Amino acid sequence: MENNHVENNQMKNEIEKLQKQMKKLAKEFEACQKTLIALGDENRQQILITLLKNYGGMRVGDITEHTRLSRPAVSHHLKILKEAGMINMYKRGTMNFYHVDADKKQWEQLTELVVHSNELVKEVSKKRESGMSCPFSGET
């Protein structure tokens, strides 16, 4: 009887630990939303690839030629990438040049999100392998 009580307490503690990890992961996802949205669009990915291949910055017209997107579409995607901290812009006279200049903090947050997601998946897999059917519902 005592042994069951100890096992139940241990399982309860493990479930609470997983729930805390999930809440932390949810906060990390929230912190990375702009970055994930920016990276989640194929057109923005193509713009980033284009900028990475052309060191020194590019004008909207040049990006348009490389991506086959319209100027307004390129401008729209550049705005989203800039707001997400993935690119930046500098002026030379009246010309605007866009370049990859990612905010270090954004990449660190994204890296932590991936690492912590992986850790949680491993932990849940380990629990399932040990016979726990659903560690988040309290069922065993």
C-alpha atoms as a PDB file:
ATOM      1  CA  MET A   1       0.000   0.000   0.000  1.00  0.00           C
ATOM      2  CA  GLU A   2       2.822   2.363   0.994  1.00  0.00           C
ATOM      3  CA  ASN A   3       4.656   1.476  -2.242  1.00  0.00           C
ATOM      4  CA  ASN A   4       1.620   2.489  -4.369  1.00  0.00           C
ATOM      5  CA  HIS A   5       1.414   5.804  -2.530  1.00  0.00           C
ATOM      6  CA  VAL A   6       5.112   6.518  -3.215  1.00  0.00           C
ATOM      7  CA  GLU A   7       4.717   5.563  -6.894  1.00  0.00           C
ATOM      8  CA  ASN A   8       1.624   7.773  -7.237  1.00  0.00           C
ATOM      9  CA  ASN A   9       3.454  10.733  -5.689  1.00  0.00           C
ATOM     10  CA  GLN A  10       6.435  10.147  -7.945  1.00  0.00           C
ATOM     11  CA  MET A  11       4.198   9.991 -11.026  1.00  0.00           C
ATOM     12  CA  LYS A  12       2.351  13.126  -9.921  1.00  0.00           C
ATOM     13  CA  ASN A  13       5.680  14.952  -9.542  1.00  0.00           C
ATOM     14  CA  GLU A  14       6.795  13.807 -13.001  1.00  0.00           C
ATOM     15  CA  ILE A  15       3.532  14.991 -14.543  1.00  0.00           C
ATOM     16  CA  GLU A  16       3.856  18.370 -12.802  1.00  0.00           C
ATOM     17  CA  LYS A  17       7.421  18.653 -14.125  1.00  0.00           C
ATOM     18  CA  LEU A  18       6.244  17.930 -17.687  1.00  0.00           C
ATOM     19  CA  GLN A  19       3.410  20.442 -17.345  1.00  0.00           C
ATOM     20  CA  LYS A  20       5.905  23.122 -16.245  1.00  0.00           C
ATOM     21  CA  GLN A  21       8.093  22.279 -19.247  1.00  0.00           C
ATOM     22  CA  MET A  22       5.069  22.616 -21.527  1.00  0.00           C
ATOM     23  CA  LYS A  23       4.151  26.024 -20.078  1.00  0.00           C
ATOM     24  CA  LYS A  24       7.743  27.190 -20.546  1.00  0.00           C
ATOM     25  CA  LEU A  25       7.690  25.903 -24.116  1.00  0.00           C
ATOM     26  CA  ALA A  26       4.430  27.764 -24.785  1.00  0.00           C
ATOM     27  CA  LYS A  27       6.065  31.017 -23.624  1.00  0.00           C
ATOM     28  CA  GLU A  28       9.053  30.325 -25.873  1.00  0.00           C
ATOM     29  CA  PHE A  29       6.725  29.754 -28.833  1.00  0.00           C
ATOM     30  CA  GLU A  30       5.028  33.079 -28.100  1.00  0.00           C
ATOM     31  CA  ALA A  31       8.399  34.850 -27.997  1.00  0.00           C
ATOM     32  CA  CYS A  32       9.319  33.325 -31.387  1.00  0.00           C
ATOM     33  CA  GLN A  33       6.017  33.857 -33.185  1.00  0.00           C
ATOM     34  CA  LYS A  34       7.163  36.732 -35.409  1.00  0.00           C
ATOM     35  CA  THR A  35      10.282  34.833 -36.395  1.00  0.00           C
ATOM     36  CA  LEU A  36       8.373  31.613 -37.071  1.00  0.00           C
ATOM     37  CA  ILE A  37       5.770  33.456 -39.146  1.00  0.00           C
ATOM     38  CA  ALA A  38       8.496  35.254 -41.084  1.00  0.00           C
ATOM     39  CA  LEU A  39      10.357  32.017 -41.793  1.00  0.00           C
ATOM     40  CA  GLY A  40       7.194  30.032 -42.485  1.00  0.00           C
ATOM     41  CA  ASP A  41       6.400  31.646 -45.829  1.00  0.00           C
ATOM     42  CA  GLU A  42       8.075  30.278 -48.972  1.00  0.00           C
ATOM     43  CA  ASN A  43       8.317  33.732 -50.561  1.00  0.00           C
ATOM     44  CA  ARG A  44      10.092  35.156 -47.519  1.00  0.00           C
ATOM     45  CA  GLN A  45      12.389  32.145 -47.483  1.00  0.00           C
ATOM     46  CA  GLN A  46      13.227  32.849 -51.121  1.00  0.00           C
ATOM     47  CA  ILE A  47      13.919  36.505 -50.314  1.00  0.00           C
ATOM     48  CA  LEU A  48      16.224  35.464 -47.449  1.00  0.00           C
ATOM     49  CA  ILE A  49      18.056  33.023 -49.721  1.00  0.00           C
ATOM     50  CA  THR A  50      18.412  35.740 -52.353  1.00  0.00           C
ATOM     51  CA  LEU A  51      19.782  38.200 -49.792  1.00  0.00           C
ATOM     52  CA  LEU A  52      22.202  35.597 -48.442  1.00  0.00           C
ATOM     53  CA  LYS A  53      23.546  34.972 -51.951  1.00  0.00           C
ATOM     54  CA  ASN A  54      24.058  38.694 -52.594  1.00  0.00           C
ATOM     55  CA  TYR A  55      26.309  40.082 -49.891  1.00  0.00           C
ATOM     56  CA  GLY A  56      26.146  43.821 -49.322  1.00  0.00           C
ATOM     57  CA  GLY A  57      22.438  44.411 -49.729  1.00  0.00           C
ATOM     58  CA  MET A  58      19.911  44.560 -52.510  1.00  0.00           C
ATOM     59  CA  ARG A  59      17.269  46.995 -53.643  1.00  0.00           C
ATOM     60  CA  VAL A  60      13.627  46.000 -53.978  1.00  0.00           C
ATOM     61  CA  GLY A  61      13.891  45.957 -57.779  1.00  0.00           C
ATOM     62  CA  ASP A  62      16.855  43.574 -57.670  1.00  0.00           C
ATOM     63  CA  ILE A  63      15.058  41.273 -55.252  1.00  0.00           C
ATOM     64  CA  THR A  64      11.997  41.371 -57.521  1.00  0.00           C
ATOM     65  CA  GLU A  65      14.085  40.144 -60.463  1.00  0.00           C
ATOM     66  CA  HIS A  66      15.534  37.247 -58.458  1.00  0.00           C
ATOM     67  CA  THR A  67      12.266  36.107 -56.879  1.00  0.00           C
ATOM     68  CA  ARG A  68       9.742  36.748 -59.647  1.00  0.00           C
ATOM     69  CA  LEU A  69       7.485  38.484 -57.121  1.00  0.00           C
ATOM     70  CA  SER A  70       5.901  41.870 -57.741  1.00  0.00           C
ATOM     71  CA  ARG A  71       7.485  44.966 -56.189  1.00  0.00           C
ATOM     72  CA  PRO A  72       4.576  45.450 -53.766  1.00  0.00           C
ATOM     73  CA  ALA A  73       4.783  41.777 -52.734  1.00  0.00           C
ATOM     74  CA  VAL A  74       8.543  42.033 -52.156  1.00  0.00           C
ATOM     75  CA  SER A  75       8.059  45.213 -50.117  1.00  0.00           C
ATOM     76  CA  HIS A  76       5.369  43.506 -48.037  1.00  0.00           C
ATOM     77  CA  HIS A  77       7.576  40.481 -47.322  1.00  0.00           C
ATOM     78  CA  LEU A  78      10.598  42.682 -46.558  1.00  0.00           C
ATOM     79  CA  LYS A  79       8.526  44.575 -43.999  1.00  0.00           C
ATOM     80  CA  ILE A  80       7.582  41.317 -42.240  1.00  0.00           C
ATOM     81  CA  LEU A  81      11.186  40.071 -42.285  1.00  0.00           C
ATOM     82  CA  LYS A  82      12.414  43.396 -40.921  1.00  0.00           C
ATOM     83  CA  GLU A  83       9.805  43.454 -38.134  1.00  0.00           C
ATOM     84  CA  ALA A  84      10.845  39.916 -37.192  1.00  0.00           C
ATOM     85  CA  GLY A  85      14.463  41.046 -36.865  1.00  0.00           C
ATOM     86  CA  MET A  86      15.652  38.872 -39.752  1.00  0.00           C
ATOM     87  CA  ILE A  87      16.831  41.618 -42.108  1.00  0.00           C
ATOM     88  CA  ASN A  88      17.719  45.264 -41.985  1.00  0.00           C
ATOM     89  CA  MET A  89      17.929  48.174 -44.379  1.00  0.00           C
ATOM     90  CA  TYR A  90      20.421  50.946 -44.994  1.00  0.00           C
ATOM     91  CA  LYS A  91      20.176  54.027 -47.195  1.00  0.00           C
ATOM     92  CA  ARG A  92      22.684  55.215 -49.719  1.00  0.00           C
ATOM     93  CA  GLY A  93      21.455  58.550 -50.991  1.00  0.00           C
ATOM     94  CA  THR A  94      17.844  57.954 -51.974  1.00  0.00           C
ATOM     95  CA  MET A  95      18.313  54.198 -52.415  1.00  0.00           C
ATOM     96  CA  ASN A  96      17.329  51.584 -49.822  1.00  0.00           C
ATOM     97  CA  PHE A  97      19.390  48.404 -49.563  1.00  0.00           C
ATOM     98  CA  TYR A  98      18.107  45.344 -47.708  1.00  0.00           C
ATOM     99  CA  HIS A  99      20.452  42.805 -46.181  1.00  0.00           C
ATOM    100  CA  VAL A 100      20.426  39.885 -43.780  1.00  0.00           C
ATOM    101  CA  ASP A 101      21.148  41.277 -40.355  1.00  0.00           C
ATOM    102  CA  ALA A 102      19.319  39.004 -37.979  1.00  0.00           C
ATOM    103  CA  ASP A 103      18.755  40.016 -34.409  1.00  0.00           C
ATOM    104  CA  LYS A 104      20.988  37.697 -32.361  1.00  0.00           C
ATOM    105  CA  LYS A 105      18.332  37.479 -29.655  1.00  0.00           C
ATOM    106  CA  GLN A 106      15.785  36.123 -32.168  1.00  0.00           C
ATOM    107  CA  TRP A 107      18.126  33.313 -33.238  1.00  0.00           C
ATOM    108  CA  GLU A 108      18.948  32.471 -29.615  1.00  0.00           C
ATOM    109  CA  GLN A 109      15.253  32.295 -28.730  1.00  0.00           C
ATOM    110  CA  LEU A 110      14.556  30.134 -31.765  1.00  0.00           C
ATOM    111  CA  THR A 111      17.450  27.816 -30.877  1.00  0.00           C
ATOM    112  CA  GLU A 112      16.187  27.467 -27.291  1.00  0.00           C
ATOM    113  CA  LEU A 113      12.700  26.699 -28.592  1.00  0.00           C
ATOM    114  CA  VAL A 114      13.998  23.886 -30.796  1.00  0.00           C
ATOM    115  CA  VAL A 115      16.231  22.467 -28.049  1.00  0.00           C
ATOM    116  CA  HIS A 116      13.482  22.571 -25.418  1.00  0.00           C
ATOM    117  CA  SER A 117      10.934  21.082 -27.848  1.00  0.00           C
ATOM    118  CA  ASN A 118      13.321  18.225 -28.518  1.00  0.00           C
ATOM    119  CA  GLU A 119      13.906  17.670 -24.788  1.00  0.00           C
ATOM    120  CA  LEU A 120      10.165  17.553 -24.120  1.00  0.00           C
ATOM    121  CA  VAL A 121       9.551  15.101 -26.959  1.00  0.00           C
ATOM    122  CA  LYS A 122      12.297  12.838 -25.603  1.00  0.00           C
ATOM    123  CA  GLU A 123      10.854  13.024 -22.089  1.00  0.00           C
ATOM    124  CA  VAL A 124       7.324  12.215 -23.251  1.00  0.00           C
ATOM    125  CA  SER A 125       8.629   9.337 -25.388  1.00  0.00           C
ATOM    126  CA  LYS A 126      10.491   7.955 -22.385  1.00  0.00           C
ATOM    127  CA  LYS A 127       7.315   8.145 -20.278  1.00  0.00           C
ATOM    128  CA  ARG A 128       5.294   6.371 -22.949  1.00  0.00           C
ATOM    129  CA  GLU A 129       7.922   3.641 -23.257  1.00  0.00           C
ATOM    130  CA  SER A 130       7.735   3.088 -19.504  1.00  0.00           C
ATOM    131  CA  GLY A 131       3.986   2.470 -19.757  1.00  0.00           C
ATOM    132  CA  MET A 132       2.502   5.895 -19.047  1.00  0.00           C
ATOM    133  CA  SER A 133      -0.215   6.318 -21.676  1.00  0.00           C
ATOM    134  CA  CYS A 134      -0.776  10.067 -21.461  1.00  0.00           C
ATOM    135  CA  PRO A 135       1.426  12.022 -19.079  1.00  0.00           C
ATOM    136  CA  PHE A 136      -0.614  15.208 -19.451  1.00  0.00           C
ATOM    137  CA  SER A 137      -4.068  13.898 -18.589  1.00  0.00           C
ATOM    138  CA  GLY A 138      -3.114  12.169 -15.363  1.00  0.00           C
ATOM    139  CA  GLU A 139      -3.966   8.749 -16.832  1.00  0.00           C
ATOM    140  CA  THR A 140      -1.491   5.914 -16.365  1.00  0.00           C
END
